[in-house]
């Protein structure tokens, strides 16, 4: 049974910033013209995190297959994640902190990671609620936490704050 633990993101701030900029440069070398976004809890001040960093790599549909090939050459596939023609997940557990990469097609149904970040950055009530959810699952099963997190994000996706964010390809 995998359990989940959370920490204040400030504990990882220096390592996260250094890793993000290094990986952004690496990814842009592999996937030119990609839109690279620092997403996840480490991108949100004062939030709780599992202690990893998430990066969203946004590409046009035409770039997706090449981007999958390029990222697959240097990162592990996240086998526990869904694979479609618009989404792939990669990881590198050897980095400090561990790294997750979500490759998405711009404007697709999976192009939402940056939106969650922006909603939480602009609406502290959602960040506080998300942190409370995390506190409730501290030390408990990861799968139970992931299920509760998915319900939370499904609800956030129906909010006016989420819906008002632009989704045009050149965001």
Protein backbone atom coordinates (compact mmCIF):
# COMPACT_ATOMS: atom_id res chain seq x y z
CA UNK A 1 0.00 0.00 0.00
CA UNK A 2 1.42 3.34 -1.09
CA UNK A 3 0.74 6.17 1.35
CA UNK A 4 0.83 9.90 0.73
CA UNK A 5 2.57 12.63 2.72
CA UNK A 6 2.52 16.38 2.21
CA UNK A 7 4.95 19.21 2.91
CA UNK A 8 4.89 22.99 2.59
CA UNK A 9 6.10 23.80 -0.91
CA UNK A 10 8.51 26.42 0.48
CA UNK A 11 10.66 23.53 1.75
CA UNK A 12 11.43 22.65 -1.89
CA UNK A 13 11.43 26.13 -3.45
CA UNK A 14 15.15 26.42 -4.32
CA UNK A 15 15.41 22.87 -5.70
CA UNK A 16 12.15 23.25 -7.62
CA UNK A 17 13.17 26.51 -9.29
CA UNK A 18 16.58 25.15 -10.27
CA UNK A 19 15.08 21.92 -11.65
CA UNK A 20 12.27 23.70 -13.48
CA UNK A 21 14.58 26.04 -15.39
CA UNK A 22 17.05 23.25 -16.22
CA UNK A 23 14.27 20.97 -17.46
CA UNK A 24 12.57 23.77 -19.38
CA UNK A 25 15.80 24.37 -21.30
CA UNK A 26 16.25 20.64 -21.90
CA UNK A 27 12.66 20.19 -23.11
CA UNK A 28 12.82 23.21 -25.42
CA UNK A 29 15.93 21.69 -26.99
CA UNK A 30 13.98 18.44 -27.54
CA UNK A 31 10.64 20.03 -28.49
CA UNK A 32 11.24 23.48 -30.00
CA UNK A 33 8.31 25.91 -29.80
CA UNK A 34 6.62 23.97 -26.98
CA UNK A 35 4.87 25.99 -24.31
CA UNK A 36 6.45 24.88 -21.02
CA UNK A 37 4.44 25.54 -17.84
CA UNK A 38 5.37 24.89 -14.21
CA UNK A 39 2.17 23.40 -12.81
CA UNK A 40 1.17 21.45 -9.72
CA UNK A 41 1.41 22.42 -6.09
CA UNK A 42 5.05 23.54 -6.20
CA UNK A 43 3.96 26.33 -8.56
CA UNK A 44 1.51 27.71 -5.98
CA UNK A 45 2.94 29.68 -3.04
CA UNK A 46 1.94 28.51 0.44
CA UNK A 47 0.48 25.23 -0.79
CA UNK A 48 1.07 21.70 0.38
CA UNK A 49 2.86 19.30 -1.98
CA UNK A 50 3.91 15.68 -2.14
CA UNK A 51 7.40 17.02 -2.80
CA UNK A 52 7.57 16.57 -6.55
CA UNK A 53 7.49 19.00 -9.46
CA UNK A 54 5.10 18.91 -12.39
CA UNK A 55 5.75 20.44 -15.78
CA UNK A 56 3.17 20.72 -18.56
CA UNK A 57 4.51 20.65 -22.11
CA UNK A 58 1.90 22.08 -24.48
CA UNK A 59 2.22 21.45 -28.22
CA UNK A 60 0.12 21.70 -31.37
CA UNK A 61 -1.47 18.47 -32.61
CA UNK A 62 1.03 18.33 -35.49
CA UNK A 63 3.93 18.31 -33.01
CA UNK A 64 2.54 15.67 -30.68
CA UNK A 65 4.02 12.48 -32.19
CA UNK A 66 7.48 14.04 -32.52
CA UNK A 67 7.23 15.37 -28.96
CA UNK A 68 6.32 11.90 -27.63
CA UNK A 69 9.34 10.42 -29.40
CA UNK A 70 11.70 13.15 -28.20
CA UNK A 71 10.55 13.04 -24.57
CA UNK A 72 10.54 9.22 -24.56
CA UNK A 73 14.24 9.27 -25.42
CA UNK A 74 15.18 11.01 -22.16
CA UNK A 75 12.32 10.43 -19.69
CA UNK A 76 10.54 7.34 -18.43
CA UNK A 77 6.94 6.83 -19.45
CA UNK A 78 4.55 7.14 -16.51
CA UNK A 79 2.94 3.74 -17.00
CA UNK A 80 0.22 4.43 -14.43
CA UNK A 81 -1.17 7.23 -16.57
CA UNK A 82 -3.52 7.32 -19.54
CA UNK A 83 -2.07 7.44 -23.08
CA UNK A 84 -3.97 9.08 -25.92
CA UNK A 85 -3.29 10.98 -29.15
CA UNK A 86 -3.44 14.20 -27.08
CA UNK A 87 -1.82 13.24 -23.77
CA UNK A 88 1.24 11.39 -22.44
CA UNK A 89 2.85 11.46 -19.04
CA UNK A 90 6.54 11.06 -18.33
CA UNK A 91 8.64 11.03 -15.18
CA UNK A 92 12.13 11.12 -13.80
CA UNK A 93 12.29 9.81 -10.24
CA UNK A 94 16.05 10.40 -10.06
CA UNK A 95 15.80 14.20 -10.04
CA UNK A 96 15.60 16.19 -6.82
CA UNK A 97 12.73 16.66 -6.38
CA UNK A 98 11.15 13.91 -8.53
CA UNK A 99 9.80 15.17 -11.86
CA UNK A 100 6.49 14.59 -13.64
CA UNK A 101 5.88 15.81 -17.19
CA UNK A 102 2.44 16.05 -18.77
CA UNK A 103 2.57 16.40 -22.56
CA UNK A 104 -0.70 17.82 -23.88
CA UNK A 105 -2.09 19.06 -27.15
CA UNK A 106 -3.10 22.71 -26.85
CA UNK A 107 -6.84 23.13 -26.60
CA UNK A 108 -7.46 19.40 -26.02
CA UNK A 109 -9.48 17.93 -23.16
CA UNK A 110 -6.16 17.28 -21.36
CA UNK A 111 -4.93 20.88 -21.65
CA UNK A 112 -6.08 21.84 -18.17
CA UNK A 113 -3.07 21.64 -15.85
CA UNK A 114 -2.16 25.31 -16.34
CA UNK A 115 -5.80 26.24 -15.75
CA UNK A 116 -5.90 24.51 -12.36
CA UNK A 117 -2.71 26.33 -11.41
CA UNK A 118 -4.15 29.69 -12.47
CA UNK A 119 -7.46 29.11 -10.67
CA UNK A 120 -5.63 28.21 -7.45
CA UNK A 121 -3.28 31.19 -7.82
CA UNK A 122 -6.16 33.61 -8.39
CA UNK A 123 -8.59 32.16 -5.83
CA UNK A 124 -7.06 31.43 -2.47
CA UNK A 125 -10.28 29.80 -1.27
CA UNK A 126 -9.67 26.90 -3.68
CA UNK A 127 -6.01 26.59 -2.64
CA UNK A 128 -7.07 26.47 1.02
CA UNK A 129 -9.73 23.88 0.25
CA UNK A 130 -7.25 21.77 -1.71
CA UNK A 131 -4.73 21.94 1.13
CA UNK A 132 -7.44 20.86 3.57
CA UNK A 133 -8.21 17.89 1.36
CA UNK A 134 -4.51 16.99 1.46
CA UNK A 135 -4.39 17.28 5.26
CA UNK A 136 -7.34 14.88 5.46
CA UNK A 137 -5.38 12.25 3.49
CA UNK A 138 -1.99 12.71 5.23
CA UNK A 139 -0.45 9.26 5.75
CA UNK A 140 -3.38 7.48 4.08
CA UNK A 141 -3.58 5.49 0.86
CA UNK A 142 -2.42 7.27 -2.29
CA UNK A 143 -5.28 5.85 -4.36
CA UNK A 144 -7.89 7.22 -1.95
CA UNK A 145 -6.20 10.64 -2.10
CA UNK A 146 -6.08 10.55 -5.92
CA UNK A 147 -9.79 9.74 -6.06
CA UNK A 148 -10.65 12.65 -3.74
CA UNK A 149 -8.33 14.94 -5.70
CA UNK A 150 -10.05 13.98 -8.95
CA UNK A 151 -13.45 14.83 -7.43
CA UNK A 152 -12.09 18.19 -6.24
CA UNK A 153 -10.70 19.04 -9.67
CA UNK A 154 -13.88 17.91 -11.41
CA UNK A 155 -15.77 20.36 -9.24
CA UNK A 156 -13.25 23.15 -9.92
CA UNK A 157 -13.65 22.55 -13.68
CA UNK A 158 -17.32 23.50 -13.36
CA UNK A 159 -16.61 26.84 -11.63
CA UNK A 160 -16.92 30.19 -13.40
CA UNK A 161 -13.27 30.90 -12.50
CA UNK A 162 -12.11 27.85 -14.42
CA UNK A 163 -14.44 28.36 -17.37
CA UNK A 164 -13.39 31.98 -17.88
CA UNK A 165 -9.76 31.05 -18.56
CA UNK A 166 -8.85 31.29 -22.20
CA UNK A 167 -8.08 28.12 -24.10
CA UNK A 168 -6.86 29.46 -27.42
CA UNK A 169 -3.89 27.65 -28.90
CA UNK A 170 -1.44 30.54 -28.55
CA UNK A 171 -2.03 31.04 -24.75
